[in-house]
Amino acid sequence: MSTLYRDYRPQNFSEVLGQNHIKITVQNEISAGRLANAYLFCGPRAVGKTTLARVLAKAVNCENKKDGEYEPCNKCASCRSITAGRHMDIVEIDAASNTGVDNVRENIIAFSRLTPSGAKFKVFIIDEVHMLSLSAFNALLKIIEEPPSYVIFVLCTTEVQKVPGTIISRCERFDFKRISINEIVKKLSYISVQEKMEIDQEVLEAVARRSGGHLRDAESLLGQIFSLGDKKITTEQAELVIPHYNSNEAVDLLDHLSRKDAAKAIALINNLTDSGVNVKVFTGEIISILRKVMLNKLSPELADNLGLDFGESLEKRLSQAADTLKWEQLTLFTRRFLEASSDNKNPLIPQLPLELAVVELCFGLPATGLSGPSAPTAGSSVVNRLKEVAPNSPLIKDRPAPAPLAAQNARPDVVKVGAVKKNATVVNLSAEELASKWPEFLVKIKKHNHSLSFIMQNCEPRSVNGGQICLVFKYKFHQDRINDAGIKSIVENTLAEVYGDGLMFHSEIDENLEIKKEEKIAITEKEETEAAVVKNDSQATPGLVNNLLKAFGGELVN
């Protein structure tokens, strides 16, 4: 049965696509007659590992090859038998089907002791060598290290990490890369000409991109397109086999965004959706193009080395987009479309996350998941928003009035801890008054929340300015805890109880903060007595029980 990837398999080094870093080294070794006893070809699937191994076997055994040459003639009896797969001295072994040690002993070790029947070298090509068992690798180890002078091993694998280091160290290792899109397009064009098929360039580029740099996949997909029957294949016909990539539409969308034309961008998205395009796939296409533009702006060589080719026709448009998009736009677009891709899991309207991204990018609105000064702060509630919009609304008429305007504007970054009582005045405290009543604050807040008391013991009230207390913490998680919506009200009520109404606080971080031990446990004599009072008994609990109650804040229950 005829297949394209078998009919058009390369038969010499010049026909092997890409892998120049490997071909040059192997060619020089062949021309100089300095062959290694073992080669290790590793890399992705369908990039030419086994093909290059066969070309190597053909080149070292070619009967017409002269000294200093490396290409096989493909005309002698040896070349023709290797091409047909009938040569007795070229042994191909599938390690996936022959994993045991017995197969290694019978098919490799025993057979390698026999001299070549008619060729110069006996070549063993072991495909998927990583599938061999540990005992098989151990049996193979010695023969690879010291093979007969007429034996060459070529080991091929897609998972080199599974090959023992003892095997790797005895081979010349070559790492294969994925084949570029342009090289695959050239090969597909050559096949189309040979098959007398006329195919649009966009179809060939789409096939090459669909293959992901794997030539055999591209040739198989091209064979499916040939099966459509017509001698001329258009883009519309090819879409019966391969999905449309919509790369040009993605570039059009970026062009609309750069000009902040949200209407055209949303119309384009909905036209694609109506035509059956998967929105998530289209979003991924946008992200891929943005990545390509970003790497092109950094370094064109970088994008080429990573194999990010989109075909000649699209590359021209991408170069124009790279000139139009600024770095700020490029990074912002990429981040926002990444968010839209993750949001598009099970939406009611599939294109809605993408439409929201377009609107936000065109009009400069804050994204839902982005942090920034315009993002809502943690702990904000519906009631607080109603206060800002309609302070006289009956929904909040029973709520306390907001703090005086002077106190609100005194410090923009202050975290307000709850609402201040009506007609309250700003409390002016000195540093001495703040410090003297702080132990009382620690004891009172302990009655509301024991864990909060521990956090506040590791806090230092550093200053008071305009009715604002500066609370300094050593650890960020303590600061985050104190800014929690539920904790704020507890702290606010306790501050009002100890220092009076009209206070606000803001928190800061000081990693060098040191809390003295006596400050963490300091409480007044009056509060010691209150903590030791037994329920339904007016006298303090003596001895050890009294100390436990003071330490843990408990009480005796009758």
Protein backbone atom coordinates (compact mmCIF):
# COMPACT_ATOMS: atom_id res chain seq x y z
CA MET A 1 0.00 0.00 0.00
CA SER A 2 1.38 3.40 -0.99
CA THR A 3 1.57 6.29 1.48
CA LEU A 4 3.14 9.69 0.95
CA TYR A 5 5.56 9.56 3.89
CA ARG A 6 6.93 6.21 2.64
CA ASP A 7 7.00 7.14 -1.05
CA TYR A 8 8.84 10.41 -0.38
CA ARG A 9 11.18 9.31 2.42
CA PRO A 10 14.61 11.02 1.99
CA GLN A 11 17.25 8.77 0.42
CA ASN A 12 20.33 10.95 1.01
CA PHE A 13 21.53 13.68 3.37
CA SER A 14 20.48 16.57 1.14
CA GLU A 15 16.86 15.44 1.17
CA VAL A 16 16.64 15.31 4.98
CA LEU A 17 14.80 18.41 6.16
CA GLY A 18 16.45 20.54 8.82
CA GLN A 19 18.82 18.97 11.38
CA ASN A 20 21.81 20.69 9.76
CA HIS A 21 23.71 20.62 13.06
CA ILE A 22 23.54 16.82 12.91
CA LYS A 23 24.00 16.28 9.20
CA ILE A 24 27.23 18.32 9.02
CA THR A 25 28.87 16.32 11.82
CA VAL A 26 27.84 12.92 10.44
CA GLN A 27 28.83 13.87 6.90
CA ASN A 28 32.29 14.95 8.02
CA GLU A 29 32.78 11.70 9.93
CA ILE A 30 31.80 9.66 6.86
CA SER A 31 34.01 11.62 4.46
CA ALA A 32 36.98 11.42 6.87
CA GLY A 33 36.42 7.74 7.67
CA ARG A 34 36.23 8.40 11.41
CA LEU A 35 32.99 6.70 12.28
CA ALA A 36 31.81 6.22 15.84
CA ASN A 37 30.91 2.77 17.07
CA ALA A 38 27.50 3.94 18.37
CA TYR A 39 25.16 6.89 17.73
CA LEU A 40 22.21 8.03 19.82
CA PHE A 41 19.52 9.93 17.90
CA CYS A 42 16.99 11.48 20.28
CA GLY A 43 14.22 14.00 19.83
CA PRO A 44 10.50 14.38 19.02
CA ARG A 45 8.66 11.92 16.81
CA ALA A 46 8.55 12.24 13.04
CA VAL A 47 11.54 14.55 12.64
CA GLY A 48 13.89 12.18 10.76
CA LYS A 49 15.73 10.04 13.32
CA THR A 50 15.16 6.65 11.68
CA THR A 51 15.44 8.16 8.20
CA LEU A 52 18.86 9.64 8.97
CA ALA A 53 19.94 6.32 10.48
CA ARG A 54 19.07 4.55 7.21
CA VAL A 55 20.89 7.18 5.15
CA LEU A 56 23.92 6.71 7.40
CA ALA A 57 23.81 2.94 6.90
CA LYS A 58 23.49 3.44 3.15
CA ALA A 59 26.36 5.94 2.99
CA VAL A 60 28.89 3.77 4.89
CA ASN A 61 28.08 0.75 2.68
CA CYS A 62 27.76 2.48 -0.72
CA GLU A 63 29.86 0.66 -3.31
CA ASN A 64 30.36 3.70 -5.56
CA LYS A 65 31.21 6.26 -2.85
CA LYS A 66 34.77 7.53 -3.17
CA ASP A 67 37.09 8.72 -0.42
CA GLY A 68 36.15 12.17 0.86
CA GLU A 69 32.51 11.79 -0.20
CA TYR A 70 29.54 11.19 2.07
CA GLU A 71 26.42 10.96 -0.11
CA PRO A 72 25.25 7.47 -1.19
CA CYS A 73 24.80 6.91 -4.90
CA ASN A 74 21.42 5.14 -4.56
CA LYS A 75 22.32 3.15 -7.71
CA CYS A 76 24.59 0.33 -6.56
CA ALA A 77 23.27 -3.01 -5.39
CA SER A 78 23.95 -2.19 -1.74
CA CYS A 79 22.06 1.16 -1.86
CA ARG A 80 19.11 -0.35 -3.71
CA SER A 81 18.77 -3.28 -1.30
CA ILE A 82 18.95 -0.96 1.74
CA THR A 83 16.30 1.28 0.17
CA ALA A 84 14.07 -1.75 -0.38
CA GLY A 85 14.72 -3.01 3.16
CA ARG A 86 16.24 -6.30 2.00
CA HIS A 87 19.89 -5.87 2.97
CA MET A 88 21.06 -8.70 5.24
CA ASP A 89 23.63 -6.60 7.12
CA ILE A 90 21.28 -3.73 8.00
CA VAL A 91 19.24 -4.89 10.98
CA GLU A 92 16.31 -2.77 12.20
CA ILE A 93 14.90 -3.75 15.60
CA ASP A 94 11.77 -2.38 17.22
CA ALA A 95 12.64 -2.25 20.91
CA ALA A 96 8.99 -1.76 21.81
CA SER A 97 8.26 -5.29 20.55
CA ASN A 98 11.55 -6.85 21.65
CA THR A 99 12.11 -5.59 25.17
CA GLY A 100 13.58 -8.71 26.78
CA VAL A 101 17.19 -9.69 27.32
CA ASP A 102 16.79 -12.85 25.19
CA ASN A 103 16.00 -10.80 22.11
CA VAL A 104 19.11 -8.68 22.67
CA ARG A 105 21.28 -11.76 22.99
CA GLU A 106 19.83 -13.53 19.93
CA ASN A 107 19.20 -10.63 17.57
CA ILE A 108 22.11 -8.33 18.44
CA ILE A 109 24.94 -9.95 20.37
CA ALA A 110 24.97 -13.28 18.53
CA PHE A 111 24.38 -11.74 15.10
CA SER A 112 27.07 -9.07 15.60
CA ARG A 113 29.74 -11.77 15.89
CA LEU A 114 29.16 -12.74 12.26
CA THR A 115 31.10 -10.73 9.69
CA PRO A 116 29.11 -8.82 7.04
CA SER A 117 27.97 -11.01 4.17
CA GLY A 118 28.68 -8.49 1.43
CA ALA A 119 28.77 -5.00 2.94
CA LYS A 120 31.54 -3.02 4.65
CA PHE A 121 29.65 -2.50 7.91
CA LYS A 122 26.95 -4.32 9.78
CA VAL A 123 24.54 -1.62 11.08
CA PHE A 124 22.04 -2.18 13.89
CA ILE A 125 19.22 0.42 14.01
CA ILE A 126 17.33 0.05 17.31
CA ASP A 127 14.15 2.13 17.26
CA GLU A 128 12.47 3.28 20.51
CA VAL A 129 15.46 1.98 22.44
CA HIS A 130 14.11 3.39 25.72
CA MET A 131 11.56 0.54 25.76
CA LEU A 132 14.24 -2.08 26.51
CA SER A 133 14.20 -3.63 29.96
CA LEU A 134 16.99 -2.99 32.45
CA SER A 135 18.42 -6.47 31.94
CA ALA A 136 18.37 -5.94 28.15
CA PHE A 137 20.26 -2.66 28.56
CA ASN A 138 22.83 -4.41 30.73
CA ALA A 139 23.31 -7.11 28.08
CA LEU A 140 23.64 -4.44 25.39
CA LEU A 141 26.14 -2.40 27.37
CA LYS A 142 29.29 -4.42 26.73
CA ILE A 143 28.77 -4.98 23.01
CA ILE A 144 28.11 -1.23 22.49
CA GLU A 145 31.25 -0.33 24.42
CA GLU A 146 33.57 -2.68 22.50
CA PRO A 147 31.85 -3.86 19.29
CA PRO A 148 33.70 -5.51 16.40
CA SER A 149 35.28 -3.03 14.01
CA TYR A 150 32.66 -3.74 11.35
CA VAL A 151 29.61 -3.07 13.61
CA ILE A 152 27.83 0.31 14.02
CA PHE A 153 24.92 0.89 16.38
CA VAL A 154 22.32 3.62 15.85
CA LEU A 155 19.92 3.99 18.78
CA CYS A 156 16.76 6.07 18.21
CA THR A 157 14.48 7.29 20.99
CA THR A 158 11.85 9.89 21.77
CA GLU A 159 12.42 9.65 25.54
CA VAL A 160 16.14 9.89 26.15
CA GLN A 161 15.62 10.36 29.89
CA LYS A 162 14.66 6.67 30.10
CA VAL A 163 17.94 5.51 28.57
CA PRO A 164 20.55 4.58 31.23
CA GLY A 165 23.47 6.94 31.55
CA THR A 166 25.88 4.06 30.99
CA ILE A 167 24.44 3.60 27.49
CA ILE A 168 24.40 7.33 26.69
CA SER A 169 28.03 7.76 27.72
CA ARG A 170 29.12 5.15 25.14
CA CYS A 171 27.32 6.85 22.22
CA GLU A 172 27.66 10.01 20.19
CA ARG A 173 24.46 11.82 21.12
CA PHE A 174 22.56 13.99 18.63
CA ASP A 175 19.41 15.91 19.62
CA PHE A 176 16.90 16.39 16.82
CA LYS A 177 14.63 19.43 16.60
CA ARG A 178 11.16 19.92 15.20
CA ILE A 179 11.12 20.91 11.54
CA SER A 180 10.26 24.51 10.69
CA ILE A 181 6.97 25.38 9.00
CA ASN A 182 8.70 26.83 5.93
CA GLU A 183 10.71 23.66 5.34
CA ILE A 184 7.60 21.50 5.67
CA VAL A 185 5.74 23.74 3.20
CA LYS A 186 8.57 23.32 0.69
CA LYS A 187 8.42 19.54 1.03
CA LEU A 188 4.61 19.52 0.67
CA SER A 189 4.86 21.73 -2.42
CA TYR A 190 7.36 19.30 -3.94
CA ILE A 191 5.05 16.34 -3.23
CA SER A 192 2.08 18.21 -4.75
CA VAL A 193 4.01 18.86 -7.94
CA GLN A 194 5.10 15.25 -8.17
CA GLU A 195 1.54 14.08 -7.63
CA LYS A 196 0.27 16.64 -10.19
CA MET A 197 -1.99 18.31 -7.63
CA GLU A 198 -2.62 22.07 -7.45
CA ILE A 199 -3.13 23.25 -3.88
CA ASP A 200 -3.42 26.79 -2.52
CA GLN A 201 -0.42 28.04 -0.58
CA GLU A 202 -2.64 28.81 2.44
CA VAL A 203 -3.70 25.15 2.56
CA LEU A 204 -0.09 23.96 2.62
CA GLU A 205 0.74 26.44 5.39
CA ALA A 206 -2.29 25.30 7.37
CA VAL A 207 -1.22 21.65 6.98
CA ALA A 208 2.30 22.49 8.09
CA ARG A 209 1.07 24.37 11.14
CA ARG A 210 -1.36 21.60 11.98
CA SER A 211 1.52 19.09 11.99
CA GLY A 212 3.33 20.97 14.76
CA GLY A 213 6.76 20.48 13.17
CA HIS A 214 6.34 16.71 12.58
CA LEU A 215 6.90 15.93 8.90
CA ARG A 216 5.20 12.52 8.88
CA ASP A 217 2.03 14.06 10.32
CA ALA A 218 2.06 16.75 7.62
CA GLU A 219 2.49 14.19 4.84
CA SER A 220 -0.31 12.01 6.22
CA LEU A 221 -2.64 15.01 6.40
CA LEU A 222 -1.71 16.00 2.86
CA GLY A 223 -2.64 12.49 1.74
CA GLN A 224 -6.12 12.98 3.22
CA ILE A 225 -6.49 16.22 1.26
CA PHE A 226 -5.45 14.45 -1.93
CA SER A 227 -8.25 11.99 -1.27
CA LEU A 228 -10.81 14.73 -1.89
CA GLY A 229 -10.46 13.78 -5.54
CA ASP A 230 -10.04 17.12 -7.32
CA LYS A 231 -6.82 18.07 -9.06
CA LYS A 232 -7.13 21.57 -7.63
CA ILE A 233 -7.73 21.91 -3.89
CA THR A 234 -8.97 25.26 -2.55
CA THR A 235 -9.07 26.50 1.02
CA GLU A 236 -12.80 25.84 1.28
CA GLN A 237 -12.37 22.23 0.17
CA ALA A 238 -9.42 21.64 2.49
CA GLU A 239 -11.54 22.75 5.47
CA LEU A 240 -13.45 19.49 5.09
CA VAL A 241 -10.29 17.77 6.38
CA ILE A 242 -8.52 20.37 8.52
CA PRO A 243 -10.10 23.10 10.66
CA HIS A 244 -9.65 26.69 9.57
CA TYR A 245 -7.00 28.41 11.70
CA ASN A 246 -8.43 31.93 11.37
CA SER A 247 -4.96 33.40 11.68
CA ASN A 248 -5.73 36.34 9.42
CA GLU A 249 -8.89 37.06 11.41
CA ALA A 250 -6.83 37.06 14.60
CA VAL A 251 -4.48 39.63 13.09
CA ASP A 252 -7.52 41.67 11.99
CA LEU A 253 -8.79 41.60 15.58
CA LEU A 254 -5.45 42.88 16.90
CA ASP A 255 -5.54 45.63 14.29
CA HIS A 256 -9.01 46.71 15.50
CA LEU A 257 -7.79 46.69 19.11
CA SER A 258 -4.74 48.82 18.32
CA ARG A 259 -7.14 51.41 16.81
CA LYS A 260 -9.59 50.93 19.74
CA ASP A 261 -12.39 50.03 17.33
CA ALA A 262 -14.45 47.81 19.64
CA ALA A 263 -17.47 47.66 17.31
CA LYS A 264 -15.57 46.07 14.43
CA ALA A 265 -13.72 43.74 16.79
CA ILE A 266 -16.93 42.41 18.35
CA ALA A 267 -18.58 42.11 14.93
CA LEU A 268 -15.62 40.02 13.75
CA ILE A 269 -15.90 37.73 16.79
CA ASN A 270 -19.60 37.16 16.26
CA ASN A 271 -19.17 36.50 12.54
CA LEU A 272 -16.67 33.77 13.36
CA THR A 273 -18.98 32.34 16.02
CA ASP A 274 -21.92 32.27 13.60
CA SER A 275 -19.79 30.39 11.08
CA GLY A 276 -19.07 27.67 13.64
CA VAL A 277 -15.58 28.66 14.81
CA ASN A 278 -14.65 27.44 18.29
CA VAL A 279 -14.12 30.59 20.38
CA LYS A 280 -11.59 28.93 22.67
CA VAL A 281 -9.51 27.77 19.69
CA PHE A 282 -9.70 31.26 18.20
CA THR A 283 -8.55 32.78 21.51
CA GLY A 284 -5.62 30.39 21.54
CA GLU A 285 -4.76 31.52 18.01
CA ILE A 286 -4.70 35.14 19.19
CA ILE A 287 -2.40 34.24 22.07
CA SER A 288 -0.04 32.33 19.75
CA ILE A 289 0.18 35.30 17.40
CA LEU A 290 0.79 37.72 20.28
CA ARG A 291 3.60 35.47 21.50
CA LYS A 292 5.11 35.40 18.03
CA VAL A 293 4.96 39.21 17.80
CA MET A 294 6.52 39.55 21.26
CA LEU A 295 9.44 37.26 20.39
CA ASN A 296 9.91 39.00 17.04
CA LYS A 297 10.19 42.35 18.80
CA LEU A 298 12.76 40.88 21.19
CA SER A 299 14.79 39.10 18.53
CA PRO A 300 13.77 37.65 15.15
CA GLU A 301 16.38 34.90 15.58
CA LEU A 302 14.72 33.84 18.82
CA ALA A 303 11.39 33.21 17.11
CA ASP A 304 13.11 31.28 14.32
CA ASN A 305 15.02 29.07 16.75
CA LEU A 306 11.80 28.19 18.56
CA GLY A 307 10.16 27.09 15.31
CA LEU A 308 7.36 29.65 15.50
CA ASP A 309 6.66 29.96 11.80
CA PHE A 310 3.21 30.91 10.53
CA GLY A 311 3.84 30.75 6.82
CA GLU A 312 5.09 33.39 4.39
CA SER A 313 1.77 35.18 3.81
CA LEU A 314 1.00 35.57 7.51
CA GLU A 315 4.58 36.45 8.48
CA LYS A 316 4.33 39.66 6.41
CA ARG A 317 1.26 40.78 8.34
CA LEU A 318 2.86 39.88 11.66
CA SER A 319 5.87 42.04 10.88
CA GLN A 320 3.52 44.99 10.34
CA ALA A 321 1.70 44.21 13.59
CA ALA A 322 5.02 44.16 15.45
CA ASP A 323 5.68 47.70 14.25
CA THR A 324 2.20 48.91 15.20
CA LEU A 325 1.82 47.37 18.66
CA LYS A 326 3.74 48.97 21.50
CA TRP A 327 5.22 46.94 24.34
CA GLU A 328 2.55 48.15 26.79
CA GLN A 329 -0.24 47.10 24.42
CA LEU A 330 1.42 43.79 23.64
CA THR A 331 1.80 42.68 27.25
CA LEU A 332 -1.66 43.98 28.19
CA PHE A 333 -3.35 42.20 25.28
CA THR A 334 -1.57 38.92 26.04
CA ARG A 335 -2.48 38.95 29.73
CA ARG A 336 -6.11 39.82 29.05
CA PHE A 337 -6.62 37.15 26.39
CA LEU A 338 -5.02 34.57 28.67
CA GLU A 339 -7.66 35.48 31.24
CA ALA A 340 -10.41 35.28 28.62
CA SER A 341 -9.19 31.82 27.64
CA SER A 342 -9.38 30.57 31.23
CA ASP A 343 -12.80 32.20 31.74
CA ASN A 344 -14.25 30.49 28.69
CA LYS A 345 -14.92 27.10 30.30
CA ASN A 346 -18.71 26.77 30.44
CA PRO A 347 -20.08 30.22 29.61
CA LEU A 348 -23.72 30.79 28.79
CA ILE A 349 -22.63 32.83 25.78
CA PRO A 350 -19.36 31.38 24.40
CA GLN A 351 -18.08 34.61 22.86
CA LEU A 352 -18.89 36.79 25.90
CA PRO A 353 -15.49 36.47 27.69
CA LEU A 354 -13.77 37.49 24.46
CA GLU A 355 -16.17 40.41 23.97
CA LEU A 356 -15.52 41.61 27.52
CA ALA A 357 -11.79 41.49 26.87
CA VAL A 358 -12.26 43.60 23.73
CA VAL A 359 -14.34 46.23 25.54
CA GLU A 360 -11.91 46.47 28.46
CA LEU A 361 -8.90 46.79 26.17
CA CYS A 362 -10.53 49.40 23.93
CA PHE A 363 -11.95 51.60 26.67
CA GLY A 364 -9.27 51.09 29.32
CA LEU A 365 -11.62 49.46 31.82
CA PRO A 366 -10.10 47.41 34.68
CA ALA A 367 -10.12 43.68 34.11
CA THR A 368 -11.91 41.50 36.62
CA GLY A 369 -8.88 39.48 37.63
CA LEU A 370 -6.29 42.25 37.44
CA SER A 371 -4.89 43.91 40.53
CA GLY A 372 -4.52 47.65 40.56
CA PRO A 373 -5.65 50.85 42.24
CA SER A 374 -9.02 50.71 40.47
CA ALA A 375 -9.76 47.12 41.53
CA PRO A 376 -12.23 46.73 44.43
CA THR A 377 -10.57 46.23 47.79
CA ALA A 378 -10.98 43.03 49.75
CA GLY A 379 -13.84 43.05 52.19
CA SER A 380 -15.92 45.71 50.43
CA SER A 381 -19.64 45.19 51.01
CA VAL A 382 -22.89 46.21 49.36
CA VAL A 383 -23.74 48.53 52.26
CA ASN A 384 -20.44 50.40 51.92
CA ARG A 385 -21.14 50.94 48.22
CA LEU A 386 -24.64 52.21 49.03
CA LYS A 387 -23.12 54.72 51.44
CA GLU A 388 -20.98 56.11 48.65
CA VAL A 389 -23.80 56.30 46.12
CA ALA A 390 -26.81 57.23 48.29
CA PRO A 391 -25.89 58.15 51.87
CA ASN A 392 -29.51 59.19 52.62
CA SER A 393 -31.04 56.00 51.28
CA PRO A 394 -33.64 54.37 53.58
CA LEU A 395 -31.73 51.10 53.19
CA ILE A 396 -28.98 52.47 55.39
CA LYS A 397 -30.74 55.11 57.44
CA ASP A 398 -30.15 53.12 60.61
CA ARG A 399 -26.45 52.78 59.88
CA PRO A 400 -23.93 55.06 61.64
CA ALA A 401 -23.00 58.22 59.76
CA PRO A 402 -19.68 58.35 57.89
CA ALA A 403 -16.61 59.89 59.51
CA PRO A 404 -15.97 63.64 59.08
CA LEU A 405 -14.57 64.63 55.70
CA ALA A 406 -11.37 65.98 57.22
CA ALA A 407 -10.64 62.63 58.80
CA GLN A 408 -11.31 60.78 55.55
CA ASN A 409 -9.04 63.02 53.52
CA ALA A 410 -6.25 63.09 56.08
CA ARG A 411 -4.70 59.94 54.62
CA PRO A 412 -5.96 58.34 51.37
CA ASP A 413 -4.44 54.93 52.04
CA VAL A 414 -5.97 54.55 55.52
CA VAL A 415 -8.00 51.40 56.14
CA LYS A 416 -11.16 52.48 57.95
CA VAL A 417 -12.25 50.03 60.61
CA GLY A 418 -16.03 50.15 60.67
CA ALA A 419 -18.44 53.06 60.83
CA VAL A 420 -18.01 55.81 63.40
CA LYS A 421 -20.89 56.67 65.70
CA LYS A 422 -23.06 59.61 64.86
CA ASN A 423 -21.82 63.03 66.01
CA ALA A 424 -18.50 61.46 67.04
CA THR A 425 -15.44 63.70 67.27
CA VAL A 426 -11.89 62.87 66.35
CA VAL A 427 -9.95 61.62 69.35
CA ASN A 428 -6.53 63.19 69.80
CA LEU A 429 -4.22 60.84 71.66
CA SER A 430 -0.65 61.30 72.70
CA ALA A 431 1.87 58.53 72.27
CA GLU A 432 1.98 58.10 76.06
CA GLU A 433 -1.79 57.68 76.32
CA LEU A 434 -1.77 55.19 73.47
CA ALA A 435 0.94 53.10 75.13
CA SER A 436 -0.56 53.25 78.60
CA LYS A 437 -3.97 51.93 77.51
CA TRP A 438 -2.62 49.37 75.02
CA PRO A 439 -2.46 46.53 77.63
CA GLU A 440 -6.09 47.21 78.44
CA PHE A 441 -6.92 46.98 74.72
CA LEU A 442 -5.14 43.60 74.52
CA VAL A 443 -7.16 42.17 77.39
CA LYS A 444 -10.50 43.45 76.13
CA ILE A 445 -9.99 42.21 72.59
CA LYS A 446 -9.11 38.80 73.98
CA LYS A 447 -12.70 38.44 75.18
CA HIS A 448 -13.90 38.70 71.58
CA ASN A 449 -11.30 36.60 69.79
CA HIS A 450 -8.41 34.68 71.39
CA SER A 451 -6.40 34.26 68.16
CA LEU A 452 -6.82 37.96 67.40
CA SER A 453 -5.39 38.75 70.81
CA PHE A 454 -2.24 36.84 69.91
CA ILE A 455 -1.91 38.79 66.64
CA MET A 456 -2.33 42.12 68.41
CA GLN A 457 0.30 41.14 70.99
CA ASN A 458 2.72 40.91 68.05
CA CYS A 459 1.73 44.39 66.93
CA GLU A 460 3.21 47.75 67.94
CA PRO A 461 1.03 50.90 68.08
CA ARG A 462 3.69 53.26 66.81
CA SER A 463 2.03 56.65 66.43
CA VAL A 464 -1.20 58.65 66.48
CA ASN A 465 -1.85 61.40 63.95
CA GLY A 466 -5.17 63.14 63.43
CA GLY A 467 -7.22 60.36 65.01
CA GLN A 468 -5.34 57.65 63.07
CA ILE A 469 -3.44 54.92 64.86
CA CYS A 470 -0.48 53.39 63.02
CA LEU A 471 -0.32 49.65 63.76
CA VAL A 472 3.00 48.06 62.81
CA PHE A 473 3.29 44.30 62.14
CA LYS A 474 6.32 42.16 61.49
CA TYR A 475 4.56 39.59 59.29
CA LYS A 476 2.43 40.13 56.21
CA PHE A 477 -0.11 37.44 57.14
CA HIS A 478 -0.80 39.30 60.42
CA GLN A 479 -1.49 42.47 58.44
CA ASP A 480 -3.79 40.61 56.05
CA ARG A 481 -5.67 39.10 58.98
CA ILE A 482 -6.28 42.47 60.62
CA ASN A 483 -7.63 43.87 57.35
CA ASP A 484 -10.22 41.10 57.07
CA ALA A 485 -13.76 42.47 56.99
CA GLY A 486 -14.93 40.47 60.01
CA ILE A 487 -11.91 41.36 62.12
CA LYS A 488 -12.11 45.08 61.39
CA SER A 489 -15.36 45.51 63.28
CA ILE A 490 -13.95 43.72 66.35
CA VAL A 491 -10.86 45.94 66.40
CA GLU A 492 -12.95 49.07 65.82
CA ASN A 493 -15.35 48.30 68.66
CA THR A 494 -12.50 47.53 71.05
CA LEU A 495 -10.64 50.72 70.10
CA ALA A 496 -13.80 52.72 70.73
CA GLU A 497 -14.28 51.02 74.09
CA VAL A 498 -10.74 51.76 75.27
CA TYR A 499 -9.81 55.04 73.55
CA GLY A 500 -13.15 56.54 72.59
CA ASP A 501 -15.05 57.01 69.33
CA GLY A 502 -13.74 58.62 66.16
CA LEU A 503 -10.61 56.54 65.66
CA MET A 504 -9.25 55.03 62.46
CA PHE A 505 -6.18 52.88 61.89
CA HIS A 506 -3.82 51.94 59.12
CA SER A 507 -1.33 49.09 59.10
CA GLU A 508 2.30 48.88 58.05
CA ILE A 509 4.99 46.18 57.80
CA ASP A 510 8.35 46.39 59.58
CA GLU A 511 10.40 43.18 59.26
CA ASN A 512 12.82 44.43 61.93
CA LEU A 513 10.08 44.87 64.52
CA GLU A 514 10.82 43.33 67.92
CA ILE A 515 8.10 42.94 70.54
CA LYS A 516 9.35 42.75 74.11
CA LYS A 517 8.07 39.79 76.06
CA GLU A 518 6.76 41.89 78.95
CA GLU A 519 4.75 44.02 76.53
CA LYS A 520 3.03 40.95 75.10
CA ILE A 521 1.67 39.85 78.47
CA ALA A 522 1.19 43.20 80.18
CA ILE A 523 -2.29 43.72 81.66
CA THR A 524 -3.55 45.98 84.44
CA GLU A 525 -4.24 44.87 87.98
CA LYS A 526 -7.93 45.54 87.55
CA GLU A 527 -8.08 43.30 84.46
CA GLU A 528 -6.21 40.52 86.23
CA THR A 529 -8.95 40.51 88.83
CA GLU A 530 -11.68 40.45 86.18
CA ALA A 531 -10.05 37.56 84.33
CA ALA A 532 -9.88 35.53 87.52
CA VAL A 533 -13.49 35.96 88.58
CA VAL A 534 -15.34 32.64 88.81
CA LYS A 535 -18.82 32.49 87.37
CA ASN A 536 -21.44 33.02 90.16
CA ASP A 537 -18.62 33.59 92.70
CA SER A 538 -17.24 36.99 93.70
CA GLN A 539 -13.83 35.73 94.88
CA ALA A 540 -10.85 35.01 92.62
CA THR A 541 -9.77 31.43 92.05
CA PRO A 542 -6.57 30.77 94.01
CA GLY A 543 -3.39 28.94 93.07
CA LEU A 544 -2.78 27.04 89.84
CA VAL A 545 -6.36 27.38 88.53
CA ASN A 546 -6.10 31.16 88.76
CA ASN A 547 -2.90 31.15 86.70
CA LEU A 548 -4.47 28.90 84.03
CA LEU A 549 -7.47 31.20 83.75
CA LYS A 550 -5.23 34.21 83.32
CA ALA A 551 -3.07 32.46 80.72
CA PHE A 552 -5.84 31.01 78.56
CA GLY A 553 -8.71 33.44 79.21
CA GLY A 554 -11.13 30.75 80.44
CA GLU A 555 -13.68 30.59 83.21
CA LEU A 556 -14.98 27.95 85.55
CA VAL A 557 -18.40 26.52 84.80
CA ASN A 558 -20.55 25.10 87.59
